[in-house]
Amino acid sequence: MPPRDEQDYEQRRQQIIDGALAAFSAQGFEKTSNKDIAEAAKIGSPGLIYHYFKDKVDLLHRVVLERMPLIQIMDHAEEMFDLPPEEALPELANRLLKAAERWPTAAIAKVIIAESMHNRRVAQIVNEIGPGRGLRILATYLERQMEAGRLRRMDPHVAARMLVGPILSYALTRYIFEQPEISHVPPATMIEVTITTFLRSMQPE
């Protein structure tokens, strides 16, 4: 068991991350002050935040890395690398959309999308641990399947975006923008249509 002071340090660190998540979700990243974070985290002084994090962007980075369910999916994605596409891709899509339904995926997504539009540092950090990493993992899997003769050969990075595009569009319009036109379509239907269409287009020549 870690020493008591290490436990206390990590407990306070997690407390600040949770406070930042609550404050960012309520007010947006730009409008949230260290005082807001300290109040949400129930810590005495805003200055205490700098004992655990370099700055507000570093804190947002840790919120995404440690609280975003999608990150956990990427951490375990390689477990499916040896499965054929007809097994791996529906399972991956199912995990992604289940994660999209869970708190705090939508809340974090709204914060980072808004901030990434005008803050290049945030955009780079989020891309490296999120979309960029996820697409590289998927492209690596697809390339392996192409080499095994299970999928038609093409640029795997293009193929990854062909596959993710419809799933991402569905998640954004259903869970972020809550568009009524898509609310009646269950995730299973979107997954089936997307994967079936993708695999048909990727049949080996």
N, C-alpha and C. Protein backbone atom coordinates (compact mmCIF):
# COMPACT_ATOMS: atom_id res chain seq x y z
N MET A 1 0.85 -1.20 0.00
CA MET A 1 0.00 0.00 0.00
C MET A 1 0.88 1.25 0.00
N PRO A 2 0.56 2.27 -0.84
CA PRO A 2 1.36 3.49 -0.88
C PRO A 2 1.34 4.21 0.47
N PRO A 3 2.39 4.97 0.78
CA PRO A 3 2.40 5.76 2.01
C PRO A 3 1.20 6.69 2.08
N ARG A 4 0.84 7.05 3.30
CA ARG A 4 -0.35 7.87 3.51
C ARG A 4 -0.28 9.19 2.76
N ASP A 5 0.90 9.81 2.72
CA ASP A 5 0.99 11.10 2.03
C ASP A 5 0.78 10.95 0.52
N GLU A 6 1.20 9.80 -0.04
CA GLU A 6 0.95 9.55 -1.46
C GLU A 6 -0.54 9.34 -1.72
N GLN A 7 -1.19 8.64 -0.82
CA GLN A 7 -2.64 8.44 -0.95
C GLN A 7 -3.38 9.76 -0.87
N ASP A 8 -2.97 10.60 0.07
CA ASP A 8 -3.61 11.91 0.22
C ASP A 8 -3.40 12.77 -1.02
N TYR A 9 -2.17 12.71 -1.57
CA TYR A 9 -1.85 13.49 -2.77
C TYR A 9 -2.75 13.07 -3.93
N GLU A 10 -2.86 11.75 -4.15
CA GLU A 10 -3.66 11.26 -5.27
C GLU A 10 -5.14 11.52 -5.05
N GLN A 11 -5.59 11.42 -3.81
CA GLN A 11 -6.99 11.70 -3.52
C GLN A 11 -7.32 13.16 -3.82
N ARG A 12 -6.46 14.07 -3.43
CA ARG A 12 -6.68 15.49 -3.70
C ARG A 12 -6.60 15.77 -5.20
N ARG A 13 -5.67 15.12 -5.87
CA ARG A 13 -5.53 15.28 -7.31
C ARG A 13 -6.82 14.86 -8.03
N GLN A 14 -7.37 13.72 -7.65
CA GLN A 14 -8.61 13.25 -8.25
C GLN A 14 -9.77 14.18 -7.92
N GLN A 15 -9.75 14.74 -6.75
CA GLN A 15 -10.78 15.68 -6.31
C GLN A 15 -10.77 16.92 -7.21
N ILE A 16 -9.57 17.40 -7.55
CA ILE A 16 -9.45 18.57 -8.42
C ILE A 16 -9.91 18.24 -9.84
N ILE A 17 -9.56 17.05 -10.33
CA ILE A 17 -10.00 16.63 -11.66
C ILE A 17 -11.52 16.59 -11.74
N ASP A 18 -12.15 16.03 -10.72
CA ASP A 18 -13.62 15.98 -10.70
C ASP A 18 -14.22 17.37 -10.62
N GLY A 19 -13.60 18.24 -9.83
CA GLY A 19 -14.08 19.62 -9.74
C GLY A 19 -13.95 20.35 -11.06
N ALA A 20 -12.83 20.13 -11.74
CA ALA A 20 -12.62 20.77 -13.05
C ALA A 20 -13.65 20.27 -14.06
N LEU A 21 -13.92 18.98 -14.04
CA LEU A 21 -14.92 18.42 -14.96
C LEU A 21 -16.27 19.07 -14.73
N ALA A 22 -16.66 19.21 -13.48
CA ALA A 22 -17.95 19.83 -13.16
C ALA A 22 -17.98 21.30 -13.60
N ALA A 23 -16.89 22.03 -13.33
CA ALA A 23 -16.84 23.45 -13.67
C ALA A 23 -16.79 23.67 -15.18
N PHE A 24 -15.94 22.90 -15.86
CA PHE A 24 -15.85 23.03 -17.32
C PHE A 24 -17.18 22.71 -17.98
N SER A 25 -17.86 21.68 -17.49
CA SER A 25 -19.14 21.26 -18.07
C SER A 25 -20.21 22.33 -17.89
N ALA A 26 -20.17 23.02 -16.75
CA ALA A 26 -21.19 24.02 -16.44
C ALA A 26 -20.94 25.35 -17.14
N GLN A 27 -19.66 25.74 -17.26
CA GLN A 27 -19.35 27.09 -17.74
C GLN A 27 -18.52 27.14 -19.01
N GLY A 28 -18.01 26.01 -19.46
CA GLY A 28 -17.08 26.02 -20.58
C GLY A 28 -15.67 26.25 -20.09
N PHE A 29 -14.70 25.85 -20.88
CA PHE A 29 -13.30 25.94 -20.47
C PHE A 29 -12.85 27.38 -20.28
N GLU A 30 -13.13 28.23 -21.26
CA GLU A 30 -12.61 29.59 -21.26
C GLU A 30 -13.14 30.40 -20.07
N LYS A 31 -14.42 30.25 -19.75
CA LYS A 31 -15.03 31.05 -18.69
C LYS A 31 -14.76 30.52 -17.29
N THR A 32 -14.24 29.31 -17.20
CA THR A 32 -13.99 28.72 -15.88
C THR A 32 -12.69 29.26 -15.29
N SER A 33 -12.77 29.80 -14.10
CA SER A 33 -11.58 30.30 -13.40
C SER A 33 -11.07 29.25 -12.42
N ASN A 34 -9.85 29.47 -11.95
CA ASN A 34 -9.32 28.57 -10.92
C ASN A 34 -10.17 28.61 -9.66
N LYS A 35 -10.76 29.76 -9.38
CA LYS A 35 -11.65 29.86 -8.23
C LYS A 35 -12.86 28.96 -8.41
N ASP A 36 -13.41 28.94 -9.63
CA ASP A 36 -14.56 28.07 -9.91
C ASP A 36 -14.19 26.60 -9.70
N ILE A 37 -13.00 26.24 -10.18
CA ILE A 37 -12.55 24.85 -10.03
C ILE A 37 -12.35 24.51 -8.57
N ALA A 38 -11.74 25.42 -7.82
CA ALA A 38 -11.50 25.18 -6.40
C ALA A 38 -12.81 25.01 -5.64
N GLU A 39 -13.79 25.83 -5.97
CA GLU A 39 -15.10 25.72 -5.31
C GLU A 39 -15.78 24.40 -5.65
N ALA A 40 -15.72 24.01 -6.93
CA ALA A 40 -16.35 22.75 -7.34
C ALA A 40 -15.64 21.55 -6.72
N ALA A 41 -14.31 21.69 -6.55
CA ALA A 41 -13.52 20.60 -5.98
C ALA A 41 -13.53 20.60 -4.45
N LYS A 42 -14.07 21.69 -3.89
CA LYS A 42 -14.13 21.83 -2.43
C LYS A 42 -12.73 21.80 -1.80
N ILE A 43 -11.82 22.58 -2.43
CA ILE A 43 -10.49 22.75 -1.85
C ILE A 43 -10.38 24.20 -1.40
N GLY A 44 -9.50 24.45 -0.46
CA GLY A 44 -9.45 25.75 0.17
C GLY A 44 -8.99 26.88 -0.72
N SER A 45 -7.91 26.67 -1.47
CA SER A 45 -7.30 27.76 -2.21
C SER A 45 -7.16 27.42 -3.69
N PRO A 46 -7.51 28.36 -4.59
CA PRO A 46 -7.29 28.12 -6.02
C PRO A 46 -5.82 27.86 -6.36
N GLY A 47 -4.94 28.49 -5.59
CA GLY A 47 -3.51 28.31 -5.83
C GLY A 47 -3.04 26.88 -5.64
N LEU A 48 -3.80 26.10 -4.89
CA LEU A 48 -3.44 24.71 -4.64
C LEU A 48 -3.45 23.88 -5.92
N ILE A 49 -4.22 24.33 -6.90
CA ILE A 49 -4.31 23.61 -8.18
C ILE A 49 -2.93 23.47 -8.82
N TYR A 50 -2.09 24.53 -8.69
CA TYR A 50 -0.77 24.52 -9.33
C TYR A 50 0.21 23.58 -8.63
N HIS A 51 -0.16 23.07 -7.50
CA HIS A 51 0.67 22.07 -6.83
C HIS A 51 0.51 20.71 -7.51
N TYR A 52 -0.58 20.56 -8.26
CA TYR A 52 -0.89 19.27 -8.90
C TYR A 52 -0.86 19.33 -10.43
N PHE A 53 -1.09 20.52 -10.99
CA PHE A 53 -1.17 20.67 -12.44
C PHE A 53 -0.44 21.93 -12.87
N LYS A 54 0.17 21.89 -14.07
CA LYS A 54 0.96 23.02 -14.53
C LYS A 54 0.10 24.26 -14.79
N ASP A 55 -1.05 24.04 -15.40
CA ASP A 55 -1.95 25.14 -15.72
C ASP A 55 -3.33 24.56 -16.06
N LYS A 56 -4.22 25.41 -16.51
CA LYS A 56 -5.60 24.96 -16.77
C LYS A 56 -5.66 24.00 -17.96
N VAL A 57 -4.81 24.20 -18.95
CA VAL A 57 -4.79 23.29 -20.10
C VAL A 57 -4.31 21.91 -19.67
N ASP A 58 -3.29 21.88 -18.83
CA ASP A 58 -2.79 20.60 -18.31
C ASP A 58 -3.89 19.89 -17.53
N LEU A 59 -4.67 20.64 -16.79
CA LEU A 59 -5.78 20.06 -16.03
C LEU A 59 -6.85 19.51 -16.98
N LEU A 60 -7.17 20.23 -18.04
CA LEU A 60 -8.12 19.72 -19.03
C LEU A 60 -7.60 18.43 -19.67
N HIS A 61 -6.31 18.41 -19.95
CA HIS A 61 -5.68 17.21 -20.50
C HIS A 61 -5.93 16.00 -19.60
N ARG A 62 -5.76 16.18 -18.30
CA ARG A 62 -5.95 15.07 -17.36
C ARG A 62 -7.43 14.71 -17.24
N VAL A 63 -8.31 15.69 -17.33
CA VAL A 63 -9.75 15.40 -17.31
C VAL A 63 -10.10 14.47 -18.47
N VAL A 64 -9.63 14.82 -19.66
CA VAL A 64 -9.92 13.99 -20.84
C VAL A 64 -9.29 12.61 -20.69
N LEU A 65 -8.04 12.57 -20.29
CA LEU A 65 -7.30 11.31 -20.22
C LEU A 65 -7.86 10.37 -19.16
N GLU A 66 -8.31 10.91 -18.05
CA GLU A 66 -8.71 10.07 -16.92
C GLU A 66 -10.22 9.93 -16.74
N ARG A 67 -11.01 10.75 -17.43
CA ARG A 67 -12.46 10.67 -17.23
C ARG A 67 -13.24 10.33 -18.50
N MET A 68 -12.59 10.38 -19.65
CA MET A 68 -13.29 10.13 -20.91
C MET A 68 -13.35 8.62 -21.17
N PRO A 69 -14.55 8.03 -21.19
CA PRO A 69 -14.66 6.58 -21.41
C PRO A 69 -14.03 6.11 -22.71
N LEU A 70 -14.02 6.95 -23.73
CA LEU A 70 -13.46 6.55 -25.02
C LEU A 70 -11.97 6.24 -24.93
N ILE A 71 -11.27 6.88 -24.00
CA ILE A 71 -9.84 6.63 -23.84
C ILE A 71 -9.60 5.18 -23.43
N GLN A 72 -10.44 4.67 -22.55
CA GLN A 72 -10.30 3.29 -22.09
C GLN A 72 -10.48 2.31 -23.23
N ILE A 73 -11.36 2.62 -24.18
CA ILE A 73 -11.56 1.75 -25.34
C ILE A 73 -10.28 1.68 -26.16
N MET A 74 -9.65 2.82 -26.37
CA MET A 74 -8.40 2.83 -27.14
C MET A 74 -7.30 2.07 -26.42
N ASP A 75 -7.29 2.16 -25.10
CA ASP A 75 -6.26 1.47 -24.32
C ASP A 75 -6.33 -0.04 -24.50
N HIS A 76 -7.51 -0.56 -24.84
CA HIS A 76 -7.69 -2.02 -24.97
C HIS A 76 -8.02 -2.45 -26.40
N ALA A 77 -7.90 -1.54 -27.35
CA ALA A 77 -8.29 -1.85 -28.73
C ALA A 77 -7.45 -2.95 -29.35
N GLU A 78 -6.17 -3.02 -28.99
CA GLU A 78 -5.29 -4.01 -29.61
C GLU A 78 -5.68 -5.44 -29.26
N GLU A 79 -6.52 -5.61 -28.25
CA GLU A 79 -6.98 -6.96 -27.91
C GLU A 79 -7.78 -7.57 -29.06
N MET A 80 -8.31 -6.73 -29.94
CA MET A 80 -9.14 -7.22 -31.05
C MET A 80 -8.38 -7.32 -32.36
N PHE A 81 -7.08 -7.06 -32.35
CA PHE A 81 -6.32 -6.98 -33.59
C PHE A 81 -6.31 -8.28 -34.39
N ASP A 82 -6.42 -9.42 -33.73
CA ASP A 82 -6.37 -10.70 -34.44
C ASP A 82 -7.74 -11.19 -34.89
N LEU A 83 -8.79 -10.48 -34.51
CA LEU A 83 -10.14 -10.88 -34.91
C LEU A 83 -10.43 -10.44 -36.34
N PRO A 84 -11.22 -11.20 -37.10
CA PRO A 84 -11.58 -10.78 -38.45
C PRO A 84 -12.49 -9.55 -38.40
N PRO A 85 -12.55 -8.77 -39.47
CA PRO A 85 -13.33 -7.53 -39.48
C PRO A 85 -14.79 -7.70 -39.12
N GLU A 86 -15.41 -8.80 -39.57
CA GLU A 86 -16.84 -8.99 -39.30
C GLU A 86 -17.12 -9.21 -37.82
N GLU A 87 -16.09 -9.54 -37.04
CA GLU A 87 -16.24 -9.67 -35.59
C GLU A 87 -15.75 -8.42 -34.86
N ALA A 88 -14.57 -7.95 -35.24
CA ALA A 88 -13.95 -6.85 -34.52
C ALA A 88 -14.66 -5.51 -34.72
N LEU A 89 -15.06 -5.21 -35.94
CA LEU A 89 -15.62 -3.88 -36.21
C LEU A 89 -16.97 -3.64 -35.55
N PRO A 90 -17.92 -4.60 -35.59
CA PRO A 90 -19.17 -4.37 -34.85
C PRO A 90 -18.95 -4.23 -33.35
N GLU A 91 -18.01 -5.03 -32.81
CA GLU A 91 -17.73 -4.94 -31.37
C GLU A 91 -17.13 -3.59 -31.02
N LEU A 92 -16.21 -3.11 -31.85
CA LEU A 92 -15.60 -1.81 -31.61
C LEU A 92 -16.64 -0.70 -31.69
N ALA A 93 -17.47 -0.73 -32.72
CA ALA A 93 -18.51 0.29 -32.87
C ALA A 93 -19.49 0.26 -31.70
N ASN A 94 -19.83 -0.93 -31.25
CA ASN A 94 -20.73 -1.06 -30.10
C ASN A 94 -20.12 -0.44 -28.85
N ARG A 95 -18.84 -0.70 -28.63
CA ARG A 95 -18.16 -0.12 -27.46
C ARG A 95 -18.12 1.40 -27.55
N LEU A 96 -17.85 1.90 -28.75
CA LEU A 96 -17.77 3.35 -28.93
C LEU A 96 -19.10 4.03 -28.63
N LEU A 97 -20.19 3.48 -29.15
CA LEU A 97 -21.49 4.12 -28.94
C LEU A 97 -21.99 3.94 -27.51
N LYS A 98 -21.64 2.84 -26.87
CA LYS A 98 -21.99 2.69 -25.46
C LYS A 98 -21.25 3.72 -24.62
N ALA A 99 -19.98 3.95 -24.97
CA ALA A 99 -19.20 4.96 -24.25
C ALA A 99 -19.78 6.35 -24.49
N ALA A 100 -20.28 6.59 -25.70
CA ALA A 100 -20.87 7.90 -26.02
C ALA A 100 -22.11 8.18 -25.19
N GLU A 101 -22.81 7.13 -24.78
CA GLU A 101 -24.01 7.29 -23.97
C GLU A 101 -23.69 7.58 -22.50
N ARG A 102 -22.48 7.22 -22.09
CA ARG A 102 -22.13 7.30 -20.67
C ARG A 102 -21.66 8.71 -20.29
N TRP A 103 -22.03 9.10 -19.07
CA TRP A 103 -21.43 10.30 -18.49
C TRP A 103 -19.96 10.00 -18.21
N PRO A 104 -19.05 10.96 -18.48
CA PRO A 104 -19.29 12.33 -18.94
C PRO A 104 -18.87 12.55 -20.39
N THR A 105 -19.05 11.54 -21.25
CA THR A 105 -18.55 11.66 -22.63
C THR A 105 -19.08 12.91 -23.33
N ALA A 106 -20.40 13.10 -23.35
CA ALA A 106 -20.97 14.24 -24.06
C ALA A 106 -20.53 15.56 -23.44
N ALA A 107 -20.46 15.61 -22.11
CA ALA A 107 -20.06 16.84 -21.43
C ALA A 107 -18.62 17.22 -21.80
N ILE A 108 -17.72 16.25 -21.77
CA ILE A 108 -16.32 16.53 -22.12
C ILE A 108 -16.21 16.89 -23.60
N ALA A 109 -16.95 16.17 -24.44
CA ALA A 109 -16.88 16.43 -25.88
C ALA A 109 -17.29 17.86 -26.20
N LYS A 110 -18.35 18.35 -25.57
CA LYS A 110 -18.79 19.73 -25.82
C LYS A 110 -17.71 20.73 -25.43
N VAL A 111 -17.03 20.47 -24.32
CA VAL A 111 -15.97 21.38 -23.86
C VAL A 111 -14.80 21.40 -24.83
N ILE A 112 -14.32 20.21 -25.20
CA ILE A 112 -13.10 20.16 -26.02
C ILE A 112 -13.37 20.57 -27.47
N ILE A 113 -14.56 20.31 -27.99
CA ILE A 113 -14.87 20.75 -29.34
C ILE A 113 -14.89 22.28 -29.39
N ALA A 114 -15.56 22.89 -28.43
CA ALA A 114 -15.65 24.35 -28.40
C ALA A 114 -14.27 24.99 -28.23
N GLU A 115 -13.47 24.46 -27.32
CA GLU A 115 -12.16 25.06 -27.04
C GLU A 115 -11.16 24.81 -28.17
N SER A 116 -11.23 23.64 -28.79
CA SER A 116 -10.28 23.31 -29.86
C SER A 116 -10.44 24.21 -31.08
N MET A 117 -11.61 24.82 -31.24
CA MET A 117 -11.86 25.68 -32.39
C MET A 117 -10.95 26.91 -32.40
N HIS A 118 -10.54 27.38 -31.22
CA HIS A 118 -9.74 28.60 -31.18
C HIS A 118 -8.50 28.49 -30.31
N ASN A 119 -8.24 27.33 -29.74
CA ASN A 119 -7.06 27.13 -28.90
C ASN A 119 -6.24 25.99 -29.49
N ARG A 120 -5.19 26.34 -30.21
CA ARG A 120 -4.41 25.33 -30.92
C ARG A 120 -3.73 24.35 -29.97
N ARG A 121 -3.30 24.85 -28.82
CA ARG A 121 -2.64 23.95 -27.86
C ARG A 121 -3.61 22.88 -27.38
N VAL A 122 -4.83 23.27 -27.05
CA VAL A 122 -5.84 22.30 -26.62
C VAL A 122 -6.14 21.33 -27.76
N ALA A 123 -6.28 21.85 -28.98
CA ALA A 123 -6.58 20.99 -30.13
C ALA A 123 -5.50 19.94 -30.33
N GLN A 124 -4.24 20.33 -30.20
CA GLN A 124 -3.13 19.39 -30.39
C GLN A 124 -3.11 18.32 -29.30
N ILE A 125 -3.32 18.73 -28.06
CA ILE A 125 -3.31 17.79 -26.94
C ILE A 125 -4.46 16.80 -27.07
N VAL A 126 -5.65 17.32 -27.34
CA VAL A 126 -6.83 16.45 -27.45
C VAL A 126 -6.68 15.50 -28.63
N ASN A 127 -6.18 16.01 -29.75
CA ASN A 127 -6.01 15.15 -30.92
C ASN A 127 -5.04 14.01 -30.65
N GLU A 128 -3.97 14.31 -29.94
CA GLU A 128 -2.94 13.29 -29.69
C GLU A 128 -3.45 12.15 -28.83
N ILE A 129 -4.27 12.45 -27.84
CA ILE A 129 -4.76 11.39 -26.96
C ILE A 129 -6.12 10.85 -27.39
N GLY A 130 -6.79 11.57 -28.32
CA GLY A 130 -8.13 11.16 -28.71
C GLY A 130 -8.24 10.78 -30.17
N PRO A 131 -8.77 11.68 -31.03
CA PRO A 131 -9.03 11.32 -32.43
C PRO A 131 -7.81 10.83 -33.19
N GLY A 132 -6.68 11.51 -33.04
CA GLY A 132 -5.48 11.10 -33.76
C GLY A 132 -5.03 9.71 -33.38
N ARG A 133 -4.98 9.46 -32.09
CA ARG A 133 -4.57 8.14 -31.61
C ARG A 133 -5.56 7.06 -32.05
N GLY A 134 -6.84 7.34 -31.89
CA GLY A 134 -7.86 6.35 -32.23
C GLY A 134 -7.84 5.98 -33.70
N LEU A 135 -7.68 6.97 -34.57
CA LEU A 135 -7.65 6.70 -36.01
C LEU A 135 -6.39 5.94 -36.41
N ARG A 136 -5.28 6.23 -35.74
CA ARG A 136 -4.05 5.48 -36.04
C ARG A 136 -4.18 4.02 -35.64
N ILE A 137 -4.79 3.77 -34.48
CA ILE A 137 -5.01 2.39 -34.04
C ILE A 137 -5.90 1.65 -35.03
N LEU A 138 -6.99 2.29 -35.44
CA LEU A 138 -7.91 1.66 -36.39
C LEU A 138 -7.23 1.42 -37.73
N ALA A 139 -6.45 2.39 -38.20
CA ALA A 139 -5.75 2.24 -39.48
C ALA A 139 -4.76 1.08 -39.42
N THR A 140 -4.09 0.92 -38.28
CA THR A 140 -3.15 -0.19 -38.11
C THR A 140 -3.88 -1.53 -38.20
N TYR A 141 -5.04 -1.60 -37.54
CA TYR A 141 -5.84 -2.84 -37.60
C TYR A 141 -6.27 -3.12 -39.04
N LEU A 142 -6.80 -2.13 -39.73
CA LEU A 142 -7.29 -2.32 -41.09
C LEU A 142 -6.15 -2.72 -42.03
N GLU A 143 -4.99 -2.13 -41.84
CA GLU A 143 -3.84 -2.48 -42.68
C GLU A 143 -3.46 -3.95 -42.48
N ARG A 144 -3.50 -4.43 -41.25
CA ARG A 144 -3.22 -5.84 -40.99
C ARG A 144 -4.23 -6.74 -41.70
N GLN A 145 -5.48 -6.32 -41.68
CA GLN A 145 -6.52 -7.12 -42.33
C GLN A 145 -6.35 -7.10 -43.85
N MET A 146 -5.88 -6.00 -44.39
CA MET A 146 -5.59 -5.93 -45.82
C MET A 146 -4.45 -6.87 -46.17
N GLU A 147 -3.41 -6.86 -45.35
CA GLU A 147 -2.26 -7.74 -45.59
C GLU A 147 -2.65 -9.21 -45.48
N ALA A 148 -3.65 -9.51 -44.65
CA ALA A 148 -4.12 -10.89 -44.48
C ALA A 148 -5.09 -11.30 -45.59
N GLY A 149 -5.42 -10.36 -46.48
CA GLY A 149 -6.32 -10.68 -47.58
C GLY A 149 -7.79 -10.63 -47.23
N ARG A 150 -8.12 -10.08 -46.06
CA ARG A 150 -9.52 -10.02 -45.63
C ARG A 150 -10.22 -8.76 -46.11
N LEU A 151 -9.44 -7.73 -46.44
CA LEU A 151 -10.01 -6.47 -46.92
C LEU A 151 -9.28 -6.03 -48.18
N ARG A 152 -9.98 -5.28 -49.00
CA ARG A 152 -9.38 -4.72 -50.22
C ARG A 152 -8.27 -3.75 -49.84
N ARG A 153 -7.19 -3.78 -50.60
CA ARG A 153 -6.06 -2.89 -50.31
C ARG A 153 -6.38 -1.45 -50.74
N MET A 154 -6.13 -0.55 -49.83
CA MET A 154 -6.22 0.89 -50.09
C MET A 154 -5.49 1.59 -48.96
N ASP A 155 -5.45 2.89 -48.98
CA ASP A 155 -4.82 3.63 -47.89
C ASP A 155 -5.59 3.36 -46.60
N PRO A 156 -4.97 2.73 -45.59
CA PRO A 156 -5.71 2.38 -44.38
C PRO A 156 -6.20 3.59 -43.59
N HIS A 157 -5.52 4.72 -43.75
CA HIS A 157 -5.95 5.93 -43.04
C HIS A 157 -7.23 6.49 -43.65
N VAL A 158 -7.35 6.36 -44.97
CA VAL A 158 -8.60 6.74 -45.64
C VAL A 158 -9.71 5.78 -45.24
N ALA A 159 -9.40 4.49 -45.23
CA ALA A 159 -10.39 3.47 -44.85
C ALA A 159 -10.90 3.70 -43.43
N ALA A 160 -9.99 4.06 -42.53
CA ALA A 160 -10.38 4.30 -41.14
C ALA A 160 -11.39 5.43 -41.05
N ARG A 161 -11.19 6.47 -41.84
CA ARG A 161 -12.11 7.61 -41.81
C ARG A 161 -13.43 7.30 -42.51
N MET A 162 -13.38 6.44 -43.53
CA MET A 162 -14.62 5.98 -44.16
C MET A 162 -15.50 5.25 -43.15
N LEU A 163 -14.86 4.48 -42.28
CA LEU A 163 -15.60 3.69 -41.29
C LEU A 163 -16.10 4.55 -40.14
N VAL A 164 -15.24 5.41 -39.63
CA VAL A 164 -15.58 6.20 -38.44
C VAL A 164 -16.58 7.31 -38.75
N GLY A 165 -16.54 7.84 -39.97
CA GLY A 165 -17.39 8.98 -40.31
C GLY A 165 -18.86 8.82 -39.95
N PRO A 166 -19.53 7.77 -40.42
CA PRO A 166 -20.95 7.60 -40.09
C PRO A 166 -21.21 7.40 -38.59
N ILE A 167 -20.32 6.67 -37.92
CA ILE A 167 -20.49 6.43 -36.48
C ILE A 167 -20.34 7.74 -35.71
N LEU A 168 -19.33 8.53 -36.08
CA LEU A 168 -19.11 9.81 -35.42
C LEU A 168 -20.27 10.77 -35.68
N SER A 169 -20.75 10.80 -36.92
CA SER A 169 -21.89 11.66 -37.25
C SER A 169 -23.11 11.27 -36.43
N TYR A 170 -23.34 9.98 -36.29
CA TYR A 170 -24.48 9.49 -35.50
C TYR A 170 -24.33 9.92 -34.04
N ALA A 171 -23.14 9.72 -33.47
CA ALA A 171 -22.92 10.07 -32.07
C ALA A 171 -23.10 11.56 -31.82
N LEU A 172 -22.56 12.38 -32.71
CA LEU A 172 -22.68 13.83 -32.55
C LEU A 172 -24.13 14.30 -32.63
N THR A 173 -24.85 13.81 -33.63
CA THR A 173 -26.22 14.29 -33.83
C THR A 173 -27.19 13.72 -32.81
N ARG A 174 -26.88 12.55 -32.26
CA ARG A 174 -27.78 11.94 -31.28
C ARG A 174 -27.47 12.39 -29.85
N TYR A 175 -26.19 12.40 -29.47
CA TYR A 175 -25.83 12.63 -28.08
C TYR A 175 -25.38 14.06 -27.77
N ILE A 176 -24.83 14.75 -28.76
CA ILE A 176 -24.38 16.13 -28.53
C ILE A 176 -25.45 17.13 -28.93
N PHE A 177 -25.92 17.04 -30.18
CA PHE A 177 -26.91 18.00 -30.68
C PHE A 177 -28.35 17.54 -30.47
N GLU A 178 -28.53 16.28 -30.11
CA GLU A 178 -29.85 15.71 -29.78
C GLU A 178 -30.88 16.01 -30.87
N GLN A 179 -30.52 15.72 -32.11
CA GLN A 179 -31.42 15.97 -33.23
C GLN A 179 -32.56 14.95 -33.23
N PRO A 180 -33.81 15.41 -33.31
CA PRO A 180 -34.96 14.50 -33.24
C PRO A 180 -35.03 13.51 -34.40
N GLU A 181 -34.47 13.90 -35.55
CA GLU A 181 -34.55 13.03 -36.73
C GLU A 181 -33.84 11.69 -36.54
N ILE A 182 -32.86 11.66 -35.63
CA ILE A 182 -32.07 10.45 -35.44
C ILE A 182 -32.37 9.76 -34.11
N SER A 183 -33.20 10.39 -33.28
CA SER A 183 -33.44 9.87 -31.93
C SER A 183 -34.13 8.51 -31.92
N HIS A 184 -34.87 8.20 -33.00
CA HIS A 184 -35.60 6.93 -33.04
C HIS A 184 -34.74 5.78 -33.57
N VAL A 185 -33.54 6.09 -34.06
CA VAL A 185 -32.66 5.06 -34.63
C VAL A 185 -31.75 4.52 -33.53
N PRO A 186 -31.91 3.26 -33.14
CA PRO A 186 -31.08 2.70 -32.08
C PRO A 186 -29.64 2.49 -32.54
N PRO A 187 -28.68 2.52 -31.62
CA PRO A 187 -27.28 2.32 -31.99
C PRO A 187 -27.05 1.04 -32.78
N ALA A 188 -27.74 -0.05 -32.41
CA ALA A 188 -27.53 -1.33 -33.09
C ALA A 188 -27.83 -1.23 -34.58
N THR A 189 -28.86 -0.46 -34.93
CA THR A 189 -29.21 -0.29 -36.34
C THR A 189 -28.13 0.48 -37.08
N MET A 190 -27.65 1.55 -36.46
CA MET A 190 -26.61 2.35 -37.10
C MET A 190 -25.34 1.53 -37.28
N ILE A 191 -25.02 0.73 -36.29
CA ILE A 191 -23.82 -0.11 -36.38
C ILE A 191 -23.95 -1.12 -37.51
N GLU A 192 -25.09 -1.79 -37.56
CA GLU A 192 -25.28 -2.82 -38.59
C GLU A 192 -25.20 -2.23 -40.00
N VAL A 193 -25.87 -1.12 -40.21
CA VAL A 193 -25.87 -0.49 -41.54
C VAL A 193 -24.46 -0.03 -41.91
N THR A 194 -23.78 0.61 -40.97
CA THR A 194 -22.44 1.14 -41.24
C THR A 194 -21.44 0.03 -41.54
N ILE A 195 -21.39 -0.98 -40.68
CA ILE A 195 -20.40 -2.05 -40.85
C ILE A 195 -20.69 -2.87 -42.10
N THR A 196 -21.96 -3.18 -42.35
CA THR A 196 -22.33 -3.95 -43.54
C THR A 196 -21.92 -3.21 -44.82
N THR A 197 -22.21 -1.92 -44.86
CA THR A 197 -21.86 -1.12 -46.04
C THR A 197 -20.35 -1.03 -46.21
N PHE A 198 -19.64 -0.83 -45.10
CA PHE A 198 -18.18 -0.72 -45.16
C PHE A 198 -17.55 -2.02 -45.65
N LEU A 199 -17.95 -3.14 -45.06
CA LEU A 199 -17.36 -4.43 -45.44
C LEU A 199 -17.69 -4.79 -46.89
N ARG A 200 -18.88 -4.43 -47.34
CA ARG A 200 -19.23 -4.70 -48.75
C ARG A 200 -18.31 -3.91 -49.68
N SER A 201 -18.04 -2.67 -49.32
CA SER A 201 -17.17 -1.84 -50.17
C SER A 201 -15.71 -2.24 -50.08
N MET A 202 -15.35 -2.98 -49.02
CA MET A 202 -13.95 -3.35 -48.79
C MET A 202 -13.67 -4.82 -49.11
N GLN A 203 -14.57 -5.48 -49.81
CA GLN A 203 -14.33 -6.87 -50.17
C GLN A 203 -13.08 -6.99 -51.04
N PRO A 204 -12.23 -8.00 -50.76
CA PRO A 204 -11.00 -8.16 -51.54
C PRO A 204 -11.30 -8.33 -53.03
N GLU A 205 -10.46 -7.75 -53.84
CA GLU A 205 -10.66 -7.84 -55.30
C GLU A 205 -10.19 -9.19 -55.82
